[in-house]
């Protein structure tokens, strides 16, 4: 008796992949953006802890420096906490934006990033959605800190608030793009945190957030001028102090960034921030295409 093993026929299931279009890319941007907002809203501990460092700089360091500089001269015409407030706003945006970008490393470790990269959408859409989502979250943190402006002598002027919020969004987009650019090639979250600490802390301390930019040594002036965060802090500071009367002596503390004897206009500072942000987004897209 002969037996034959019949092989069952193989059923081929066709998978229909929707064609690439600008609508699918736009939908991918919205999905990644919403995911960032949902993650931030559910992580309440992150909301609180990300504000601790800026508040320490503003009220602890600011109060200590006020007692040190509370003598005569221009320092007595400017509240030190008022002077620090624009830099502290930028600090709040800085670390929130970087941590938002760092979630890319978590997504890579847990495999979620691979699922996004195989989706039938352009990788540039994933990068843009990540940058816009991180910038939105970071701007929200800046808004929370901006609500405390009255405690440090900053008026609640509607025009000033609108201008500062627009500037914070631009700054947050640049910083998030920088974080995404760095995170695109890093494999572990520990390495990402070490890298950002090495890069971001010097950028913050060289930005003039904690000290005036005038009368600095030549080597320090050069470092501050090549730091893109310097123009971000100065832009916010000059916007805020345009609505505060500090007198001619105190004006030297907020004199702005100068190239030689030429005062860099505020619109050019905004252009520098925007161009740097676009360059970093472009580099991050290239990095993602190689991932």
Protein backbone atom coordinates (compact mmCIF):
# COMPACT_ATOMS: atom_id res chain seq x y z
CA UNK A 1 0.00 0.00 0.00
CA UNK A 2 1.48 3.25 -1.11
CA UNK A 3 0.81 6.49 0.72
CA UNK A 4 1.43 9.92 -0.64
CA UNK A 5 1.93 13.04 1.41
CA UNK A 6 0.06 15.75 -0.28
CA UNK A 7 1.38 19.23 0.31
CA UNK A 8 -1.47 21.66 0.88
CA UNK A 9 -1.54 24.52 -1.55
CA UNK A 10 0.14 27.72 -0.37
CA UNK A 11 -2.21 30.62 -0.03
CA UNK A 12 -0.68 33.88 -1.05
CA UNK A 13 -2.17 36.85 0.73
CA UNK A 14 -1.66 40.10 -1.04
CA UNK A 15 -0.95 43.15 1.05
CA UNK A 16 -2.07 46.45 -0.31
CA UNK A 17 0.30 49.25 0.60
CA UNK A 18 -1.20 52.67 0.05
CA UNK A 19 0.80 54.87 -2.29
CA UNK A 20 2.98 57.61 -0.90
CA UNK A 21 1.40 61.04 -1.03
CA UNK A 22 1.62 64.39 0.69
CA UNK A 23 -1.55 63.46 2.61
CA UNK A 24 0.05 60.37 4.14
CA UNK A 25 3.15 62.38 5.06
CA UNK A 26 1.02 65.10 6.62
CA UNK A 27 -0.94 62.47 8.56
CA UNK A 28 2.36 60.98 9.81
CA UNK A 29 3.46 64.40 11.05
CA UNK A 30 0.19 64.82 12.96
CA UNK A 31 0.37 61.32 14.45
CA UNK A 32 3.94 61.75 15.70
CA UNK A 33 3.09 65.23 17.01
CA UNK A 34 0.02 63.94 18.91
CA UNK A 35 2.05 61.06 20.32
CA UNK A 36 4.51 63.51 21.85
CA UNK A 37 1.69 65.48 23.46
CA UNK A 38 0.04 62.34 24.84
CA UNK A 39 3.31 61.07 26.31
CA UNK A 40 3.99 64.41 27.95
CA UNK A 41 0.46 64.74 29.33
CA UNK A 42 0.60 61.29 30.94
CA UNK A 43 4.03 61.86 32.48
CA UNK A 44 3.13 64.34 35.23
CA UNK A 45 6.34 63.71 37.13
CA UNK A 46 8.28 64.90 34.10
CA UNK A 47 6.23 68.13 34.04
CA UNK A 48 7.19 68.92 37.62
CA UNK A 49 10.84 67.82 37.63
CA UNK A 50 11.66 69.67 34.39
CA UNK A 51 10.69 72.93 36.12
CA UNK A 52 12.82 72.37 39.23
CA UNK A 53 16.15 73.36 37.70
CA UNK A 54 14.88 76.63 36.15
CA UNK A 55 13.18 77.59 39.42
CA UNK A 56 16.39 76.94 41.34
CA UNK A 57 18.34 79.16 38.96
CA UNK A 58 15.70 81.88 39.12
CA UNK A 59 14.87 82.11 42.81
CA UNK A 60 17.85 80.55 44.61
CA UNK A 61 20.73 81.66 42.40
CA UNK A 62 18.97 84.90 41.52
CA UNK A 63 18.38 85.80 45.18
CA UNK A 64 21.97 84.93 46.09
CA UNK A 65 23.39 87.06 43.29
CA UNK A 66 21.07 89.91 44.25
CA UNK A 67 22.64 90.08 47.70
CA UNK A 68 26.10 89.98 46.10
CA UNK A 69 25.40 92.71 43.52
CA UNK A 70 23.08 94.90 45.56
CA UNK A 71 25.50 97.76 45.80
CA UNK A 72 25.82 100.81 43.63
CA UNK A 73 26.05 101.34 39.92
CA UNK A 74 24.18 99.66 37.09
CA UNK A 75 23.67 96.45 39.07
CA UNK A 76 21.41 98.27 41.49
CA UNK A 77 19.15 99.45 38.64
CA UNK A 78 18.39 95.92 37.42
CA UNK A 79 16.80 93.20 39.51
CA UNK A 80 19.11 90.21 39.06
CA UNK A 81 16.16 87.82 38.95
CA UNK A 82 14.61 89.95 36.23
CA UNK A 83 17.88 89.76 34.31
CA UNK A 84 18.04 85.97 34.74
CA UNK A 85 14.41 85.41 33.75
CA UNK A 86 14.95 85.29 29.93
CA UNK A 87 17.84 82.86 30.36
CA UNK A 88 15.81 80.69 32.71
CA UNK A 89 12.95 80.64 30.18
CA UNK A 90 15.40 79.39 27.58
CA UNK A 91 16.74 76.82 30.06
CA UNK A 92 13.24 75.42 30.63
CA UNK A 93 12.73 75.10 26.88
CA UNK A 94 16.24 73.71 26.39
CA UNK A 95 16.06 70.64 28.59
CA UNK A 96 12.42 69.83 27.84
CA UNK A 97 13.14 69.89 24.11
CA UNK A 98 16.25 67.74 24.46
CA UNK A 99 14.46 65.15 26.60
CA UNK A 100 11.62 65.01 24.06
CA UNK A 101 14.14 64.29 21.33
CA UNK A 102 15.75 61.65 23.54
CA UNK A 103 12.62 59.51 23.37
CA UNK A 104 13.85 58.45 19.92
CA UNK A 105 16.53 56.40 21.65
CA UNK A 106 13.88 54.70 23.81
CA UNK A 107 11.82 53.97 20.70
CA UNK A 108 14.87 52.41 19.05
CA UNK A 109 15.64 50.22 22.07
CA UNK A 110 12.06 48.93 22.33
CA UNK A 111 11.57 48.45 18.59
CA UNK A 112 8.91 51.09 18.05
CA UNK A 113 11.18 53.22 15.87
CA UNK A 114 11.54 50.33 13.41
CA UNK A 115 7.78 50.19 13.04
CA UNK A 116 7.68 53.88 12.22
CA UNK A 117 10.53 53.66 9.73
CA UNK A 118 8.86 50.87 7.70
CA UNK A 119 5.62 52.84 7.39
CA UNK A 120 4.82 54.03 3.84
CA UNK A 121 5.65 57.63 4.66
CA UNK A 122 8.69 59.77 4.13
CA UNK A 123 11.23 59.65 6.92
CA UNK A 124 11.38 63.43 6.77
CA UNK A 125 7.75 63.43 7.98
CA UNK A 126 8.73 61.43 11.08
CA UNK A 127 11.57 63.85 11.82
CA UNK A 128 9.39 66.92 11.31
CA UNK A 129 6.61 65.47 13.47
CA UNK A 130 9.12 64.69 16.21
CA UNK A 131 10.62 68.19 16.06
CA UNK A 132 7.24 69.94 16.06
CA UNK A 133 5.95 67.73 18.89
CA UNK A 134 9.03 68.33 21.03
CA UNK A 135 8.89 72.06 20.31
CA UNK A 136 5.22 72.19 21.33
CA UNK A 137 5.91 70.42 24.63
CA UNK A 138 8.93 72.62 25.36
CA UNK A 139 6.96 75.78 24.59
CA UNK A 140 4.28 74.67 27.03
CA UNK A 141 6.92 74.37 29.75
CA UNK A 142 8.06 77.86 28.89
CA UNK A 143 4.48 79.11 29.22
CA UNK A 144 4.24 77.63 32.72
CA UNK A 145 7.38 79.51 33.72
CA UNK A 146 6.22 82.65 31.93
CA UNK A 147 3.19 82.68 34.24
CA UNK A 148 5.61 83.46 37.11
CA UNK A 149 6.94 86.60 35.39
CA UNK A 150 5.23 88.94 37.85
CA UNK A 151 7.22 87.46 40.74
CA UNK A 152 10.48 88.74 39.26
CA UNK A 153 9.35 92.17 38.12
CA UNK A 154 8.38 91.32 34.53
CA UNK A 155 5.05 92.90 33.48
CA UNK A 156 2.21 90.87 31.99
CA UNK A 157 2.08 92.88 28.79
CA UNK A 158 -0.04 91.06 26.14
CA UNK A 159 2.20 92.10 23.25
CA UNK A 160 5.32 91.04 25.12
CA UNK A 161 3.80 87.65 25.97
CA UNK A 162 2.83 87.01 22.33
CA UNK A 163 6.31 87.93 21.10
CA UNK A 164 8.08 85.85 23.76
CA UNK A 165 5.89 82.80 23.08
CA UNK A 166 6.63 83.04 19.35
CA UNK A 167 10.35 83.29 20.10
CA UNK A 168 10.22 80.33 22.49
CA UNK A 169 8.54 78.22 19.81
CA UNK A 170 11.31 79.09 17.35
CA UNK A 171 14.00 78.34 19.93
CA UNK A 172 12.31 75.08 20.97
CA UNK A 173 12.18 73.94 17.35
CA UNK A 174 15.90 74.58 16.91
CA UNK A 175 16.83 72.75 20.11
CA UNK A 176 14.54 69.79 19.41
CA UNK A 177 16.02 69.49 15.93
CA UNK A 178 19.47 69.48 17.51
CA UNK A 179 18.40 66.72 19.91
CA UNK A 180 16.85 64.64 17.12
CA UNK A 181 20.01 65.07 15.05
CA UNK A 182 22.11 63.73 17.94
CA UNK A 183 19.67 60.94 18.90
CA UNK A 184 19.40 59.63 15.33
CA UNK A 185 22.76 57.84 15.56
CA UNK A 186 22.96 56.97 19.28
CA UNK A 187 21.97 53.48 20.38
CA UNK A 188 21.47 53.80 24.16
CA UNK A 189 19.71 56.37 26.29
CA UNK A 190 22.65 56.56 28.69
CA UNK A 191 24.95 57.56 25.85
CA UNK A 192 22.42 60.13 24.67
CA UNK A 193 22.19 61.73 28.12
CA UNK A 194 25.97 61.86 28.43
CA UNK A 195 26.29 63.41 24.97
CA UNK A 196 23.64 66.06 25.60
CA UNK A 197 25.17 67.02 28.94
CA UNK A 198 28.55 67.48 27.26
CA UNK A 199 27.02 69.61 24.49
CA UNK A 200 24.10 71.47 26.07
CA UNK A 201 25.58 72.62 29.38
CA UNK A 202 28.50 74.49 27.75
CA UNK A 203 26.07 76.01 25.24
CA UNK A 204 23.85 77.24 28.07
CA UNK A 205 26.67 78.71 30.18
CA UNK A 206 28.19 80.39 27.12
CA UNK A 207 24.87 81.90 26.04
CA UNK A 208 24.92 84.87 28.42
CA UNK A 209 21.92 83.50 30.29
CA UNK A 210 23.64 84.05 33.65
CA UNK A 211 25.87 87.06 32.94
CA UNK A 212 25.96 90.16 30.71
CA UNK A 213 27.76 89.87 27.38
CA UNK A 214 29.60 93.18 27.62
CA UNK A 215 33.18 93.61 28.90
CA UNK A 216 34.06 89.92 28.47
CA UNK A 217 37.57 88.66 27.67
CA UNK A 218 38.26 88.19 23.96
CA UNK A 219 38.33 84.39 24.10
CA UNK A 220 35.00 84.28 25.93
CA UNK A 221 33.44 86.79 23.53
CA UNK A 222 34.41 84.57 20.59
CA UNK A 223 32.86 81.50 22.21
CA UNK A 224 29.63 83.33 22.97
CA UNK A 225 29.36 84.67 19.42
CA UNK A 226 29.66 81.24 17.78
CA UNK A 227 27.09 79.77 20.14
CA UNK A 228 23.60 79.79 18.53
CA UNK A 229 21.97 79.74 21.96
CA UNK A 230 23.49 83.18 22.65
CA UNK A 231 21.22 84.74 20.04
CA UNK A 232 18.21 82.88 21.43
CA UNK A 233 18.74 84.18 24.98
CA UNK A 234 19.52 87.70 23.76
CA UNK A 235 16.42 87.77 21.57
CA UNK A 236 14.13 86.88 24.48
CA UNK A 237 15.95 89.22 26.88
CA UNK A 238 15.77 92.24 24.57
CA UNK A 239 12.07 91.56 23.93
CA UNK A 240 11.28 91.44 27.66
CA UNK A 241 13.41 94.44 28.60
CA UNK A 242 11.84 96.50 25.85
CA UNK A 243 8.81 96.64 28.19
CA UNK A 244 10.84 97.39 31.36
CA UNK A 245 12.36 100.74 32.25
CA UNK A 246 15.83 100.06 33.67
CA UNK A 247 17.34 103.49 33.08
CA UNK A 248 20.49 104.34 31.11
CA UNK A 249 22.82 102.66 33.62
CA UNK A 250 20.89 99.40 33.73
CA UNK A 251 20.61 99.33 29.93
CA UNK A 252 24.26 98.26 29.75
CA UNK A 253 23.24 94.89 31.19
CA UNK A 254 20.92 94.22 28.25
CA UNK A 255 22.92 95.91 25.50
CA UNK A 256 22.63 92.91 23.18
CA UNK A 257 25.08 90.96 21.02
CA UNK A 258 27.57 93.04 19.06
CA UNK A 259 29.81 92.07 16.16
CA UNK A 260 32.61 94.55 16.68
CA UNK A 261 30.82 97.85 17.15
CA UNK A 262 27.68 96.73 15.31
CA UNK A 263 24.64 95.72 17.36
CA UNK A 264 23.05 92.60 15.90
CA UNK A 265 19.37 93.46 15.23
CA UNK A 266 16.68 91.28 16.75
CA UNK A 267 15.29 90.22 13.38
CA UNK A 268 18.71 88.87 12.39
CA UNK A 269 18.91 86.91 15.64
CA UNK A 270 15.54 85.32 14.80
CA UNK A 271 16.82 84.50 11.29
CA UNK A 272 19.96 82.88 12.73
CA UNK A 273 17.85 80.70 15.03
CA UNK A 274 15.49 79.72 12.21
CA UNK A 275 18.33 78.90 9.79
CA UNK A 276 20.15 76.82 12.39
CA UNK A 277 16.93 74.95 13.13
CA UNK A 278 16.35 74.18 9.44
CA UNK A 279 19.93 73.00 9.00
CA UNK A 280 19.61 70.67 11.99
CA UNK A 281 16.30 69.28 10.71
CA UNK A 282 17.93 68.63 7.33
CA UNK A 283 20.88 66.83 8.97
CA UNK A 284 18.49 64.80 11.15
CA UNK A 285 16.56 63.69 8.04
CA UNK A 286 19.81 62.53 6.43
CA UNK A 287 20.71 60.64 9.60
CA UNK A 288 17.32 58.93 9.64
CA UNK A 289 17.67 57.85 6.03
CA UNK A 290 20.89 56.08 7.00
CA UNK A 291 19.33 54.47 10.09
